[in-house]
């Protein structure tokens, strides 16, 4: 299996090279998750705004119930926003 590496390859002799791997940066992750639920995920954009993302994998599948899904989404939105948004 092929794996890509990030780093610097330097030639330190006629027939010798040294590779120094640079660690992957996790700082400044683009749109980090601030809430992870069963039905939704909420991410924070670089401008500070919140974006709900719906997990649609179970829609239309065996045993899917629209009312239960909508109720679950509503409950998770309420729970997430209660913890993420300051009330006046």
Protein backbone atom coordinates (compact mmCIF):
# COMPACT_ATOMS: atom_id res chain seq x y z
CA UNK A 1 0.00 0.00 0.00
CA UNK A 2 1.30 3.44 -0.96
CA UNK A 3 1.51 6.23 1.62
CA UNK A 4 2.43 9.86 0.97
CA UNK A 5 4.68 11.72 3.38
CA UNK A 6 5.29 15.44 3.80
CA UNK A 7 8.77 16.59 4.64
CA UNK A 8 12.16 17.72 3.44
CA UNK A 9 14.62 15.55 1.53
CA UNK A 10 18.22 16.75 1.68
CA UNK A 11 21.34 15.40 0.07
CA UNK A 12 24.03 15.11 2.70
CA UNK A 13 26.55 13.12 0.78
CA UNK A 14 27.33 11.80 -2.68
CA UNK A 15 25.09 8.76 -2.31
CA UNK A 16 23.26 9.63 0.89
CA UNK A 17 19.99 11.44 1.45
CA UNK A 18 18.16 12.31 4.67
CA UNK A 19 14.41 12.71 4.87
CA UNK A 20 12.86 14.68 7.74
CA UNK A 21 9.13 14.28 8.01
CA UNK A 22 7.07 17.33 8.99
CA UNK A 23 4.12 16.56 11.25
CA UNK A 24 0.65 17.16 9.85
CA UNK A 25 -0.82 20.42 11.06
CA UNK A 26 -4.07 20.17 13.01
CA UNK A 27 -4.01 23.81 14.08
CA UNK A 28 -6.47 25.96 12.22
CA UNK A 29 -8.58 23.01 11.09
CA UNK A 30 -11.02 24.16 8.47
CA UNK A 31 -14.57 24.26 9.80
CA UNK A 32 -14.02 22.33 13.05
CA UNK A 33 -16.92 20.34 14.52
CA UNK A 34 -18.41 22.04 17.57
CA UNK A 35 -21.30 19.57 17.96
CA UNK A 36 -21.49 15.94 16.85
CA UNK A 37 -24.87 14.26 17.17
CA UNK A 38 -26.67 11.25 15.76
CA UNK A 39 -28.67 13.32 13.25
CA UNK A 40 -26.60 16.51 12.78
CA UNK A 41 -23.11 17.93 13.03
CA UNK A 42 -22.52 21.63 13.60
CA UNK A 43 -19.33 23.23 12.31
CA UNK A 44 -17.90 26.68 12.97
CA UNK A 45 -16.78 28.62 9.92
CA UNK A 46 -13.71 30.85 9.84
CA UNK A 47 -15.95 33.94 10.25
CA UNK A 48 -17.40 32.47 13.47
CA UNK A 49 -20.80 31.52 12.06
CA UNK A 50 -22.32 28.13 12.81
CA UNK A 51 -23.44 25.71 10.10
CA UNK A 52 -25.68 22.70 10.71
CA UNK A 53 -24.92 19.65 8.56
CA UNK A 54 -27.55 16.93 8.36
CA UNK A 55 -26.56 13.28 8.43
CA UNK A 56 -28.75 11.84 5.69
CA UNK A 57 -27.37 8.31 5.55
CA UNK A 58 -30.46 6.68 7.00
CA UNK A 59 -33.09 8.56 5.01
CA UNK A 60 -35.21 6.23 2.91
CA UNK A 61 -33.56 3.12 4.30
CA UNK A 62 -35.23 0.17 5.91
CA UNK A 63 -37.11 1.19 9.06
CA UNK A 64 -36.80 4.91 8.33
CA UNK A 65 -39.47 7.07 10.00
CA UNK A 66 -39.73 10.69 8.86
CA UNK A 67 -41.36 11.95 12.06
CA UNK A 68 -38.72 10.32 14.28
CA UNK A 69 -35.92 11.73 12.14
CA UNK A 70 -37.38 15.26 12.17
CA UNK A 71 -37.95 15.07 15.93
CA UNK A 72 -34.36 13.86 16.48
CA UNK A 73 -32.98 16.71 14.35
CA UNK A 74 -35.06 19.27 16.24
CA UNK A 75 -33.94 17.94 19.64
CA UNK A 76 -30.26 17.96 18.64
CA UNK A 77 -30.50 21.48 17.17
CA UNK A 78 -32.04 22.71 20.39
CA UNK A 79 -29.40 20.97 22.52
CA UNK A 80 -26.51 22.20 20.36
CA UNK A 81 -27.68 25.78 20.11
CA UNK A 82 -28.42 25.93 23.84
CA UNK A 83 -24.76 25.10 24.52
CA UNK A 84 -23.25 27.19 21.69
CA UNK A 85 -25.26 30.43 21.64
CA UNK A 86 -25.39 32.89 24.51
CA UNK A 87 -28.85 34.12 25.37
CA UNK A 88 -29.50 37.77 26.27
